[in-house]
Amino acid sequence: MSVMTDTRIKKSPEQKLAEASEGYAAYRAKEAAAHANMLRLRAERLAREGAGPPEAKSEPPKPKARKKIVRSY
């Protein structure tokens, strides 16, 4: 059993308010971090797209080796 179910202590309105404020502050902090990460990733993507496509290599493609077909009659 968890500790929460063993002790059934009623919380005062001040305790409830403090717990709710703490939870909401944690939620807002996570939300702000996610938003900052989204903006960072967006800026990286726009920088990549603005740079243009990468230069293609000028090597000619290698000819494919032909496979020998061995047939037994």
PDB file of N, CA and C in Angstrom:
ATOM      1  N   MET A   1       0.828  -1.177   0.000  1.00  0.00           N
ATOM      2  CA  MET A   1       0.000   0.000   0.000  1.00  0.00           C
ATOM      3  C   MET A   1       0.874   1.243   0.000  1.00  0.00           C
ATOM      4  N   SER A   2       0.385   2.258  -0.603  1.00  0.00           N
ATOM      5  CA  SER A   2       1.145   3.498  -0.631  1.00  0.00           C
ATOM      6  C   SER A   2       0.925   4.289   0.647  1.00  0.00           C
ATOM      7  N   VAL A   3       1.774   5.246   0.850  1.00  0.00           N
ATOM      8  CA  VAL A   3       1.708   6.072   2.044  1.00  0.00           C
ATOM      9  C   VAL A   3       0.449   6.932   2.033  1.00  0.00           C
ATOM     10  N   MET A   4       0.029   7.350   0.861  1.00  0.00           N
ATOM     11  CA  MET A   4      -1.135   8.234   0.762  1.00  0.00           C
ATOM     12  C   MET A   4      -2.409   7.553   1.276  1.00  0.00           C
ATOM     13  N   THR A   5      -2.567   6.254   1.034  1.00  0.00           N
ATOM     14  CA  THR A   5      -3.781   5.576   1.465  1.00  0.00           C
ATOM     15  C   THR A   5      -3.734   5.214   2.940  1.00  0.00           C
ATOM     16  N   ASP A   6      -2.540   5.091   3.507  1.00  0.00           N
ATOM     17  CA  ASP A   6      -2.420   4.735   4.913  1.00  0.00           C
ATOM     18  C   ASP A   6      -2.804   5.898   5.818  1.00  0.00           C
ATOM     19  N   THR A   7      -2.426   7.094   5.454  1.00  0.00           N
ATOM     20  CA  THR A   7      -2.714   8.255   6.294  1.00  0.00           C
ATOM     21  C   THR A   7      -3.750   9.118   5.598  1.00  0.00           C
ATOM     22  N   ARG A   8      -4.857   9.290   6.243  1.00  0.00           N
ATOM     23  CA  ARG A   8      -5.946  10.094   5.676  1.00  0.00           C
ATOM     24  C   ARG A   8      -6.060  11.393   6.466  1.00  0.00           C
ATOM     25  N   ILE A   9      -5.138  12.291   6.180  1.00  0.00           N
ATOM     26  CA  ILE A   9      -5.130  13.577   6.856  1.00  0.00           C
ATOM     27  C   ILE A   9      -5.772  14.594   5.928  1.00  0.00           C
ATOM     28  N   LYS A  10      -6.749  15.303   6.455  1.00  0.00           N
ATOM     29  CA  LYS A  10      -7.379  16.343   5.648  1.00  0.00           C
ATOM     30  C   LYS A  10      -6.448  17.541   5.570  1.00  0.00           C
ATOM     31  N   LYS A  11      -6.395  18.100   4.386  1.00  0.00           N
ATOM     32  CA  LYS A  11      -5.539  19.268   4.174  1.00  0.00           C
ATOM     33  C   LYS A  11      -6.341  20.537   4.411  1.00  0.00           C
ATOM     34  N   SER A  12      -5.651  21.500   4.934  1.00  0.00           N
ATOM     35  CA  SER A  12      -6.294  22.797   5.144  1.00  0.00           C
ATOM     36  C   SER A  12      -6.388  23.512   3.798  1.00  0.00           C
ATOM     37  N   PRO A  13      -7.249  24.497   3.682  1.00  0.00           N
ATOM     38  CA  PRO A  13      -7.340  25.247   2.417  1.00  0.00           C
ATOM     39  C   PRO A  13      -6.005  25.872   2.009  1.00  0.00           C
ATOM     40  N   GLU A  14      -5.205  26.290   2.990  1.00  0.00           N
ATOM     41  CA  GLU A  14      -3.893  26.871   2.678  1.00  0.00           C
ATOM     42  C   GLU A  14      -2.961  25.818   2.085  1.00  0.00           C
ATOM     43  N   GLN A  15      -3.016  24.589   2.642  1.00  0.00           N
ATOM     44  CA  GLN A  15      -2.177  23.510   2.117  1.00  0.00           C
ATOM     45  C   GLN A  15      -2.612  23.137   0.704  1.00  0.00           C
ATOM     46  N   LYS A  16      -3.918  23.080   0.484  1.00  0.00           N
ATOM     47  CA  LYS A  16      -4.431  22.762  -0.849  1.00  0.00           C
ATOM     48  C   LYS A  16      -4.000  23.822  -1.858  1.00  0.00           C
ATOM     49  N   LEU A  17      -4.095  25.086  -1.457  1.00  0.00           N
ATOM     50  CA  LEU A  17      -3.711  26.181  -2.340  1.00  0.00           C
ATOM     51  C   LEU A  17      -2.217  26.136  -2.648  1.00  0.00           C
ATOM     52  N   ALA A  18      -1.402  25.845  -1.629  1.00  0.00           N
ATOM     53  CA  ALA A  18       0.045  25.770  -1.837  1.00  0.00           C
ATOM     54  C   ALA A  18       0.394  24.616  -2.770  1.00  0.00           C
ATOM     55  N   GLU A  19      -0.270  23.469  -2.588  1.00  0.00           N
ATOM     56  CA  GLU A  19      -0.015  22.308  -3.440  1.00  0.00           C
ATOM     57  C   GLU A  19      -0.455  22.584  -4.874  1.00  0.00           C
ATOM     58  N   ALA A  20      -1.601  23.224  -5.030  1.00  0.00           N
ATOM     59  CA  ALA A  20      -2.093  23.553  -6.367  1.00  0.00           C
ATOM     60  C   ALA A  20      -1.170  24.559  -7.049  1.00  0.00           C
ATOM     61  N   SER A  21      -0.709  25.553  -6.312  1.00  0.00           N
ATOM     62  CA  SER A  21       0.197  26.554  -6.879  1.00  0.00           C
ATOM     63  C   SER A  21       1.506  25.914  -7.317  1.00  0.00           C
ATOM     64  N   GLU A  22       2.006  24.987  -6.500  1.00  0.00           N
ATOM     65  CA  GLU A  22       3.256  24.288  -6.838  1.00  0.00           C
ATOM     66  C   GLU A  22       3.079  23.440  -8.100  1.00  0.00           C
ATOM     67  N   GLY A  23       1.963  22.733  -8.184  1.00  0.00           N
ATOM     68  CA  GLY A  23       1.688  21.912  -9.365  1.00  0.00           C
ATOM     69  C   GLY A  23       1.535  22.749 -10.619  1.00  0.00           C
ATOM     70  N   TYR A  24       0.846  23.881 -10.499  1.00  0.00           N
ATOM     71  CA  TYR A  24       0.641  24.756 -11.653  1.00  0.00           C
ATOM     72  C   TYR A  24       1.955  25.384 -12.099  1.00  0.00           C
ATOM     73  N   ALA A  25       2.805  25.732 -11.137  1.00  0.00           N
ATOM     74  CA  ALA A  25       4.111  26.306 -11.484  1.00  0.00           C
ATOM     75  C   ALA A  25       4.960  25.277 -12.227  1.00  0.00           C
ATOM     76  N   ALA A  26       4.901  24.019 -11.789  1.00  0.00           N
ATOM     77  CA  ALA A  26       5.647  22.960 -12.479  1.00  0.00           C
ATOM     78  C   ALA A  26       5.108  22.765 -13.895  1.00  0.00           C
ATOM     79  N   TYR A  27       3.787  22.806 -14.039  1.00  0.00           N
ATOM     80  CA  TYR A  27       3.162  22.674 -15.353  1.00  0.00           C
ATOM     81  C   TYR A  27       3.598  23.805 -16.278  1.00  0.00           C
ATOM     82  N   ARG A  28       3.569  25.037 -15.779  1.00  0.00           N
ATOM     83  CA  ARG A  28       3.961  26.192 -16.595  1.00  0.00           C
ATOM     84  C   ARG A  28       5.437  26.130 -16.978  1.00  0.00           C
ATOM     85  N   ALA A  29       6.286  25.630 -16.074  1.00  0.00           N
ATOM     86  CA  ALA A  29       7.713  25.516 -16.379  1.00  0.00           C
ATOM     87  C   ALA A  29       7.937  24.511 -17.504  1.00  0.00           C
ATOM     88  N   LYS A  30       7.232  23.374 -17.450  1.00  0.00           N
ATOM     89  CA  LYS A  30       7.361  22.370 -18.513  1.00  0.00           C
ATOM     90  C   LYS A  30       6.828  22.917 -19.833  1.00  0.00           C
ATOM     91  N   GLU A  31       5.729  23.653 -19.761  1.00  0.00           N
ATOM     92  CA  GLU A  31       5.139  24.246 -20.960  1.00  0.00           C
ATOM     93  C   GLU A  31       6.098  25.262 -21.590  1.00  0.00           C
ATOM     94  N   ALA A  32       6.741  26.075 -20.768  1.00  0.00           N
ATOM     95  CA  ALA A  32       7.686  27.074 -21.274  1.00  0.00           C
ATOM     96  C   ALA A  32       8.907  26.397 -21.891  1.00  0.00           C
ATOM     97  N   ALA A  33       9.375  25.309 -21.276  1.00  0.00           N
ATOM     98  CA  ALA A  33      10.527  24.586 -21.820  1.00  0.00           C
ATOM     99  C   ALA A  33      10.177  23.958 -23.167  1.00  0.00           C
ATOM    100  N   ALA A  34       8.989  23.384 -23.281  1.00  0.00           N
ATOM    101  CA  ALA A  34       8.562  22.783 -24.546  1.00  0.00           C
ATOM    102  C   ALA A  34       8.424  23.851 -25.630  1.00  0.00           C
ATOM    103  N   HIS A  35       7.903  25.011 -25.271  1.00  0.00           N
ATOM    104  CA  HIS A  35       7.743  26.102 -26.239  1.00  0.00           C
ATOM    105  C   HIS A  35       9.111  26.612 -26.711  1.00  0.00           C
ATOM    106  N   ALA A  36      10.054  26.756 -25.778  1.00  0.00           N
ATOM    107  CA  ALA A  36      11.401  27.212 -26.142  1.00  0.00           C
ATOM    108  C   ALA A  36      12.080  26.193 -27.051  1.00  0.00           C
ATOM    109  N   ASN A  37      11.875  24.909 -26.775  1.00  0.00           N
ATOM    110  CA  ASN A  37      12.460  23.864 -27.611  1.00  0.00           C
ATOM    111  C   ASN A  37      11.856  23.904 -29.010  1.00  0.00           C
ATOM    112  N   MET A  38      10.540  24.130 -29.107  1.00  0.00           N
ATOM    113  CA  MET A  38       9.888  24.222 -30.410  1.00  0.00           C
ATOM    114  C   MET A  38      10.458  25.385 -31.220  1.00  0.00           C
ATOM    115  N   LEU A  39      10.656  26.525 -30.572  1.00  0.00           N
ATOM    116  CA  LEU A  39      11.211  27.686 -31.268  1.00  0.00           C
ATOM    117  C   LEU A  39      12.646  27.428 -31.723  1.00  0.00           C
ATOM    118  N   ARG A  40      13.429  26.736 -30.893  1.00  0.00           N
ATOM    119  CA  ARG A  40      14.810  26.414 -31.261  1.00  0.00           C
ATOM    120  C   ARG A  40      14.834  25.493 -32.473  1.00  0.00           C
ATOM    121  N   LEU A  41      14.001  24.463 -32.459  1.00  0.00           N
ATOM    122  CA  LEU A  41      13.961  23.529 -33.581  1.00  0.00           C
ATOM    123  C   LEU A  41      13.459  24.208 -34.852  1.00  0.00           C
ATOM    124  N   ARG A  42      12.492  25.105 -34.721  1.00  0.00           N
ATOM    125  CA  ARG A  42      11.979  25.839 -35.881  1.00  0.00           C
ATOM    126  C   ARG A  42      13.082  26.696 -36.493  1.00  0.00           C
ATOM    127  N   ALA A  43      13.862  27.370 -35.648  1.00  0.00           N
ATOM    128  CA  ALA A  43      14.950  28.216 -36.144  1.00  0.00           C
ATOM    129  C   ALA A  43      16.002  27.372 -36.856  1.00  0.00           C
ATOM    130  N   GLU A  44      16.315  26.195 -36.301  1.00  0.00           N
ATOM    131  CA  GLU A  44      17.284  25.309 -36.961  1.00  0.00           C
ATOM    132  C   GLU A  44      16.764  24.852 -38.316  1.00  0.00           C
ATOM    133  N   ARG A  45      15.482  24.493 -38.389  1.00  0.00           N
ATOM    134  CA  ARG A  45      14.903  24.027 -39.653  1.00  0.00           C
ATOM    135  C   ARG A  45      14.904  25.137 -40.691  1.00  0.00           C
ATOM    136  N   LEU A  46      14.527  26.348 -40.288  1.00  0.00           N
ATOM    137  CA  LEU A  46      14.508  27.466 -41.230  1.00  0.00           C
ATOM    138  C   LEU A  46      15.916  27.801 -41.717  1.00  0.00           C
ATOM    139  N   ALA A  47      16.912  27.668 -40.846  1.00  0.00           N
ATOM    140  CA  ALA A  47      18.295  27.919 -41.252  1.00  0.00           C
ATOM    141  C   ALA A  47      18.747  26.870 -42.263  1.00  0.00           C
ATOM    142  N   ARG A  48      18.357  25.612 -42.027  1.00  0.00           N
ATOM    143  CA  ARG A  48      18.718  24.543 -42.969  1.00  0.00           C
ATOM    144  C   ARG A  48      18.054  24.775 -44.315  1.00  0.00           C
ATOM    145  N   GLU A  49      16.763  25.116 -44.296  1.00  0.00           N
ATOM    146  CA  GLU A  49      16.036  25.340 -45.547  1.00  0.00           C
ATOM    147  C   GLU A  49      16.560  26.567 -46.280  1.00  0.00           C
ATOM    148  N   GLY A  50      16.983  27.579 -45.561  1.00  0.00           N
ATOM    149  CA  GLY A  50      17.504  28.793 -46.177  1.00  0.00           C
ATOM    150  C   GLY A  50      18.867  28.584 -46.804  1.00  0.00           C
ATOM    151  N   ALA A  51      19.614  27.608 -46.320  1.00  0.00           N
ATOM    152  CA  ALA A  51      20.946  27.336 -46.850  1.00  0.00           C
ATOM    153  C   ALA A  51      20.873  26.679 -48.224  1.00  0.00           C
ATOM    154  N   GLY A  52      19.754  26.108 -48.572  1.00  0.00           N
ATOM    155  CA  GLY A  52      19.602  25.461 -49.866  1.00  0.00           C
ATOM    156  C   GLY A  52      19.999  23.998 -49.789  1.00  0.00           C
ATOM    157  N   PRO A  53      19.791  23.293 -50.893  1.00  0.00           N
ATOM    158  CA  PRO A  53      20.125  21.866 -50.892  1.00  0.00           C
ATOM    159  C   PRO A  53      21.637  21.667 -50.860  1.00  0.00           C
ATOM    160  N   PRO A  54      22.094  20.567 -50.294  1.00  0.00           N
ATOM    161  CA  PRO A  54      23.535  20.308 -50.268  1.00  0.00           C
ATOM    162  C   PRO A  54      24.059  20.066 -51.682  1.00  0.00           C
ATOM    163  N   GLU A  55      25.321  20.412 -51.894  1.00  0.00           N
ATOM    164  CA  GLU A  55      25.913  20.235 -53.216  1.00  0.00           C
ATOM    165  C   GLU A  55      26.039  18.752 -53.536  1.00  0.00           C
ATOM    166  N   ALA A  56      25.705  18.411 -54.783  1.00  0.00           N
ATOM    167  CA  ALA A  56      25.787  17.019 -55.207  1.00  0.00           C
ATOM    168  C   ALA A  56      27.235  16.674 -55.525  1.00  0.00           C
ATOM    169  N   LYS A  57      27.600  15.436 -55.265  1.00  0.00           N
ATOM    170  CA  LYS A  57      28.954  14.982 -55.578  1.00  0.00           C
ATOM    171  C   LYS A  57      29.076  14.827 -57.092  1.00  0.00           C
ATOM    172  N   SER A  58      30.252  15.146 -57.624  1.00  0.00           N
ATOM    173  CA  SER A  58      30.444  15.103 -59.068  1.00  0.00           C
ATOM    174  C   SER A  58      31.006  13.764 -59.550  1.00  0.00           C
ATOM    175  N   GLU A  59      31.047  12.757 -58.688  1.00  0.00           N
ATOM    176  CA  GLU A  59      31.559  11.452 -59.108  1.00  0.00           C
ATOM    177  C   GLU A  59      30.543  10.775 -60.019  1.00  0.00           C
ATOM    178  N   PRO A  60      31.027  10.190 -61.121  1.00  0.00           N
ATOM    179  CA  PRO A  60      30.100   9.450 -61.974  1.00  0.00           C
ATOM    180  C   PRO A  60      29.684   8.153 -61.264  1.00  0.00           C
ATOM    181  N   PRO A  61      28.483   7.698 -61.498  1.00  0.00           N
ATOM    182  CA  PRO A  61      28.051   6.461 -60.841  1.00  0.00           C
ATOM    183  C   PRO A  61      28.859   5.268 -61.340  1.00  0.00           C
ATOM    184  N   LYS A  62      29.142   4.355 -60.437  1.00  0.00           N
ATOM    185  CA  LYS A  62      29.908   3.160 -60.801  1.00  0.00           C
ATOM    186  C   LYS A  62      28.996   2.209 -61.566  1.00  0.00           C
ATOM    187  N   PRO A  63      29.547   1.571 -62.610  1.00  0.00           N
ATOM    188  CA  PRO A  63      28.727   0.593 -63.335  1.00  0.00           C
ATOM    189  C   PRO A  63      28.471  -0.621 -62.447  1.00  0.00           C
ATOM    190  N   LYS A  64      27.282  -1.158 -62.560  1.00  0.00           N
ATOM    191  CA  LYS A  64      26.928  -2.318 -61.755  1.00  0.00           C
ATOM    192  C   LYS A  64      27.601  -3.558 -62.328  1.00  0.00           C
ATOM    193  N   ALA A  65      28.094  -4.386 -61.439  1.00  0.00           N
ATOM    194  CA  ALA A  65      28.718  -5.636 -61.873  1.00  0.00           C
ATOM    195  C   ALA A  65      27.616  -6.605 -62.278  1.00  0.00           C
ATOM    196  N   ARG A  66      27.832  -7.267 -63.395  1.00  0.00           N
ATOM    197  CA  ARG A  66      26.838  -8.221 -63.868  1.00  0.00           C
ATOM    198  C   ARG A  66      27.056  -9.548 -63.178  1.00  0.00           C
ATOM    199  N   LYS A  67      25.984 -10.149 -62.780  1.00  0.00           N
ATOM    200  CA  LYS A  67      26.061 -11.445 -62.120  1.00  0.00           C
ATOM    201  C   LYS A  67      26.111 -12.537 -63.179  1.00  0.00           C
ATOM    202  N   LYS A  68      26.951 -13.524 -62.916  1.00  0.00           N
ATOM    203  CA  LYS A  68      27.021 -14.662 -63.829  1.00  0.00           C
ATOM    204  C   LYS A  68      25.923 -15.640 -63.459  1.00  0.00           C
ATOM    205  N   ILE A  69      25.229 -16.094 -64.460  1.00  0.00           N
ATOM    206  CA  ILE A  69      24.171 -17.068 -64.238  1.00  0.00           C
ATOM    207  C   ILE A  69      24.743 -18.434 -64.576  1.00  0.00           C
ATOM    208  N   VAL A  70      24.755 -19.299 -63.601  1.00  0.00           N
ATOM    209  CA  VAL A  70      25.283 -20.652 -63.802  1.00  0.00           C
ATOM    210  C   VAL A  70      24.097 -21.577 -63.979  1.00  0.00           C
ATOM    211  N   ARG A  71      24.070 -22.211 -65.151  1.00  0.00           N
ATOM    212  CA  ARG A  71      22.976 -23.139 -65.439  1.00  0.00           C
ATOM    213  C   ARG A  71      23.546 -24.533 -65.606  1.00  0.00           C
ATOM    214  N   SER A  72      22.881 -25.463 -65.020  1.00  0.00           N
ATOM    215  CA  SER A  72      23.321 -26.858 -65.198  1.00  0.00           C
ATOM    216  C   SER A  72      22.258 -27.586 -66.022  1.00  0.00           C
ATOM    217  N   TYR A  73      22.741 -28.298 -67.053  1.00  0.00           N
ATOM    218  CA  TYR A  73      21.819 -29.018 -67.942  1.00  0.00           C
ATOM    219  C   TYR A  73      21.913 -30.486 -67.740  1.00  0.00           C
TER     220      TYR A  73
END
